[in-house]
Amino acid sequence: MENTKRHKPADIRFDDRLVIQWKDGVTHRIPYLPLRDACPCAACVDELSGQKTLDPATIPPDIHLKRADYVGNYALRLHWSDGHGTGLYTFRSLRQLGEQTGQMEN
């Protein structure tokens, strides 16, 4: 059985990156550029093929979050400074992205 604490945030903060402290005690600091690049919405990923359509070169280097909204108990909707705001980032996907790109603290 998978440890469900791995995918449940205890605290979420925004400074120069997204900071998520997970209930299992791990903290990830995910930079905004790879976070925006990982947007899972239909405008950034082809719905049929799953192929990424977002060109990373089109993301402004100074991208930052304007706002974040909780979606139920499973995701965040992130609103970006480039006007994009349709992607739902599940906590599971944020954990995976944090393990790939973020600084990890215990």
C-alpha atoms as a PDB file:
ATOM      1  CA  MET A   1       0.000   0.000   0.000  1.00  0.00           C
ATOM      2  CA  GLU A   2       1.284   3.438  -0.936  1.00  0.00           C
ATOM      3  CA  ASN A   3       2.031   5.907   1.836  1.00  0.00           C
ATOM      4  CA  THR A   4      -0.824   8.430   1.453  1.00  0.00           C
ATOM      5  CA  LYS A   5       1.070  11.042   3.478  1.00  0.00           C
ATOM      6  CA  ARG A   6       3.465  11.362   0.515  1.00  0.00           C
ATOM      7  CA  HIS A   7       0.779  13.130  -1.520  1.00  0.00           C
ATOM      8  CA  LYS A   8      -0.815  15.305   1.144  1.00  0.00           C
ATOM      9  CA  PRO A   9       0.606  18.761   1.798  1.00  0.00           C
ATOM     10  CA  ALA A  10       0.872  20.028   5.351  1.00  0.00           C
ATOM     11  CA  ASP A  11       1.787  23.565   4.212  1.00  0.00           C
ATOM     12  CA  ILE A  12       2.077  25.404   0.890  1.00  0.00           C
ATOM     13  CA  ARG A  13       3.889  28.729   0.488  1.00  0.00           C
ATOM     14  CA  PHE A  14       4.995  30.915  -2.394  1.00  0.00           C
ATOM     15  CA  ASP A  15       8.119  33.010  -2.433  1.00  0.00           C
ATOM     16  CA  ASP A  16      10.635  32.861  -5.283  1.00  0.00           C
ATOM     17  CA  ARG A  17       9.340  29.309  -5.891  1.00  0.00           C
ATOM     18  CA  LEU A  18       6.562  26.978  -4.752  1.00  0.00           C
ATOM     19  CA  VAL A  19       7.349  25.527  -1.321  1.00  0.00           C
ATOM     20  CA  ILE A  20       5.413  22.430  -0.264  1.00  0.00           C
ATOM     21  CA  GLN A  21       5.904  20.738   3.066  1.00  0.00           C
ATOM     22  CA  TRP A  22       4.406  17.265   2.852  1.00  0.00           C
ATOM     23  CA  LYS A  23       2.785  15.435   5.762  1.00  0.00           C
ATOM     24  CA  ASP A  24       5.593  12.858   5.675  1.00  0.00           C
ATOM     25  CA  GLY A  25       8.045  15.633   6.662  1.00  0.00           C
ATOM     26  CA  VAL A  26       9.674  16.217   3.261  1.00  0.00           C
ATOM     27  CA  THR A  27       9.748  19.772   1.877  1.00  0.00           C
ATOM     28  CA  HIS A  28      10.172  20.602  -1.813  1.00  0.00           C
ATOM     29  CA  ARG A  29      11.064  24.007  -3.239  1.00  0.00           C
ATOM     30  CA  ILE A  30       9.972  23.892  -6.898  1.00  0.00           C
ATOM     31  CA  PRO A  31      11.216  26.688  -9.196  1.00  0.00           C
ATOM     32  CA  TYR A  32       8.490  28.482 -11.155  1.00  0.00           C
ATOM     33  CA  LEU A  33       9.897  27.931 -14.656  1.00  0.00           C
ATOM     34  CA  PRO A  34       9.792  24.095 -14.583  1.00  0.00           C
ATOM     35  CA  LEU A  35       6.468  24.279 -12.740  1.00  0.00           C
ATOM     36  CA  ARG A  36       4.908  26.409 -15.506  1.00  0.00           C
ATOM     37  CA  ASP A  37       6.530  24.161 -18.124  1.00  0.00           C
ATOM     38  CA  ALA A  38       4.845  21.131 -16.520  1.00  0.00           C
ATOM     39  CA  CYS A  39       1.327  22.530 -16.901  1.00  0.00           C
ATOM     40  CA  PRO A  40      -0.996  19.591 -17.636  1.00  0.00           C
ATOM     41  CA  CYS A  41      -3.877  21.553 -19.217  1.00  0.00           C
ATOM     42  CA  ALA A  42      -5.291  20.955 -22.710  1.00  0.00           C
ATOM     43  CA  ALA A  43      -3.604  24.115 -24.029  1.00  0.00           C
ATOM     44  CA  CYS A  44      -0.185  22.754 -22.979  1.00  0.00           C
ATOM     45  CA  VAL A  45      -0.651  19.013 -23.585  1.00  0.00           C
ATOM     46  CA  ASP A  46      -2.528  17.375 -26.470  1.00  0.00           C
ATOM     47  CA  GLU A  47      -5.568  15.669 -24.947  1.00  0.00           C
ATOM     48  CA  LEU A  48      -5.544  12.712 -27.332  1.00  0.00           C
ATOM     49  CA  SER A  49      -1.859  11.892 -27.602  1.00  0.00           C
ATOM     50  CA  GLY A  50      -0.636  13.205 -24.239  1.00  0.00           C
ATOM     51  CA  GLN A  51       2.143  14.939 -26.209  1.00  0.00           C
ATOM     52  CA  LYS A  52       3.372  18.216 -24.726  1.00  0.00           C
ATOM     53  CA  THR A  53       2.496  21.155 -26.997  1.00  0.00           C
ATOM     54  CA  LEU A  54       3.820  24.003 -24.852  1.00  0.00           C
ATOM     55  CA  ASP A  55       7.089  25.382 -26.210  1.00  0.00           C
ATOM     56  CA  PRO A  56       9.291  26.119 -23.165  1.00  0.00           C
ATOM     57  CA  ALA A  57      10.927  28.969 -25.106  1.00  0.00           C
ATOM     58  CA  THR A  58       7.604  30.863 -24.926  1.00  0.00           C
ATOM     59  CA  ILE A  59       7.629  30.951 -21.117  1.00  0.00           C
ATOM     60  CA  PRO A  60       8.956  34.294 -19.854  1.00  0.00           C
ATOM     61  CA  PRO A  61      12.134  33.750 -17.778  1.00  0.00           C
ATOM     62  CA  ASP A  62      10.677  35.935 -15.007  1.00  0.00           C
ATOM     63  CA  ILE A  63       7.459  33.867 -14.752  1.00  0.00           C
ATOM     64  CA  HIS A  64       5.840  33.968 -11.332  1.00  0.00           C
ATOM     65  CA  LEU A  65       2.599  33.037  -9.641  1.00  0.00           C
ATOM     66  CA  LYS A  66      -0.159  35.594  -9.288  1.00  0.00           C
ATOM     67  CA  ARG A  67      -2.487  33.320  -7.334  1.00  0.00           C
ATOM     68  CA  ALA A  68      -3.209  29.706  -6.441  1.00  0.00           C
ATOM     69  CA  ASP A  69      -6.543  28.092  -5.653  1.00  0.00           C
ATOM     70  CA  TYR A  70      -7.195  24.752  -3.989  1.00  0.00           C
ATOM     71  CA  VAL A  71      -9.267  22.339  -6.062  1.00  0.00           C
ATOM     72  CA  GLY A  72     -10.910  19.932  -3.675  1.00  0.00           C
ATOM     73  CA  ASN A  73      -8.424  17.982  -1.589  1.00  0.00           C
ATOM     74  CA  TYR A  74      -6.315  16.855  -4.519  1.00  0.00           C
ATOM     75  CA  ALA A  75      -4.943  19.745  -6.591  1.00  0.00           C
ATOM     76  CA  LEU A  76      -3.963  23.386  -7.060  1.00  0.00           C
ATOM     77  CA  ARG A  77      -5.005  25.660  -9.910  1.00  0.00           C
ATOM     78  CA  LEU A  78      -2.069  27.993 -10.529  1.00  0.00           C
ATOM     79  CA  HIS A  79      -2.524  31.433 -12.092  1.00  0.00           C
ATOM     80  CA  TRP A  80       0.625  32.700 -13.790  1.00  0.00           C
ATOM     81  CA  SER A  81       2.013  36.135 -14.629  1.00  0.00           C
ATOM     82  CA  ASP A  82       1.819  35.237 -18.354  1.00  0.00           C
ATOM     83  CA  GLY A  83      -1.985  35.092 -18.061  1.00  0.00           C
ATOM     84  CA  HIS A  84      -2.218  31.293 -18.029  1.00  0.00           C
ATOM     85  CA  GLY A  85      -4.401  29.723 -15.362  1.00  0.00           C
ATOM     86  CA  THR A  86      -6.186  26.610 -16.593  1.00  0.00           C
ATOM     87  CA  GLY A  87      -3.868  23.869 -15.361  1.00  0.00           C
ATOM     88  CA  LEU A  88      -4.800  21.681 -12.410  1.00  0.00           C
ATOM     89  CA  TYR A  89      -1.670  20.411 -10.683  1.00  0.00           C
ATOM     90  CA  THR A  90      -2.571  17.366  -8.594  1.00  0.00           C
ATOM     91  CA  PHE A  91      -0.694  16.918  -5.350  1.00  0.00           C
ATOM     92  CA  ARG A  92       0.631  13.635  -6.742  1.00  0.00           C
ATOM     93  CA  SER A  93       2.075  15.431  -9.799  1.00  0.00           C
ATOM     94  CA  LEU A  94       3.532  18.198  -7.608  1.00  0.00           C
ATOM     95  CA  ARG A  95       5.244  15.575  -5.452  1.00  0.00           C
ATOM     96  CA  GLN A  96       6.742  13.955  -8.560  1.00  0.00           C
ATOM     97  CA  LEU A  97       7.845  17.312  -9.957  1.00  0.00           C
ATOM     98  CA  GLY A  98       9.357  18.253  -6.594  1.00  0.00           C
ATOM     99  CA  GLU A  99      11.362  15.038  -6.583  1.00  0.00           C
ATOM    100  CA  GLN A 100      12.606  15.744 -10.127  1.00  0.00           C
ATOM    101  CA  THR A 101      13.289  19.489 -10.067  1.00  0.00           C
ATOM    102  CA  GLY A 102      12.922  20.888  -6.574  1.00  0.00           C
ATOM    103  CA  GLN A 103      15.339  21.279  -3.748  1.00  0.00           C
ATOM    104  CA  MET A 104      14.440  18.766  -1.085  1.00  0.00           C
ATOM    105  CA  GLU A 105      14.698  19.326   2.638  1.00  0.00           C
ATOM    106  CA  ASN A 106      13.979  16.897   5.457  1.00  0.00           C
END
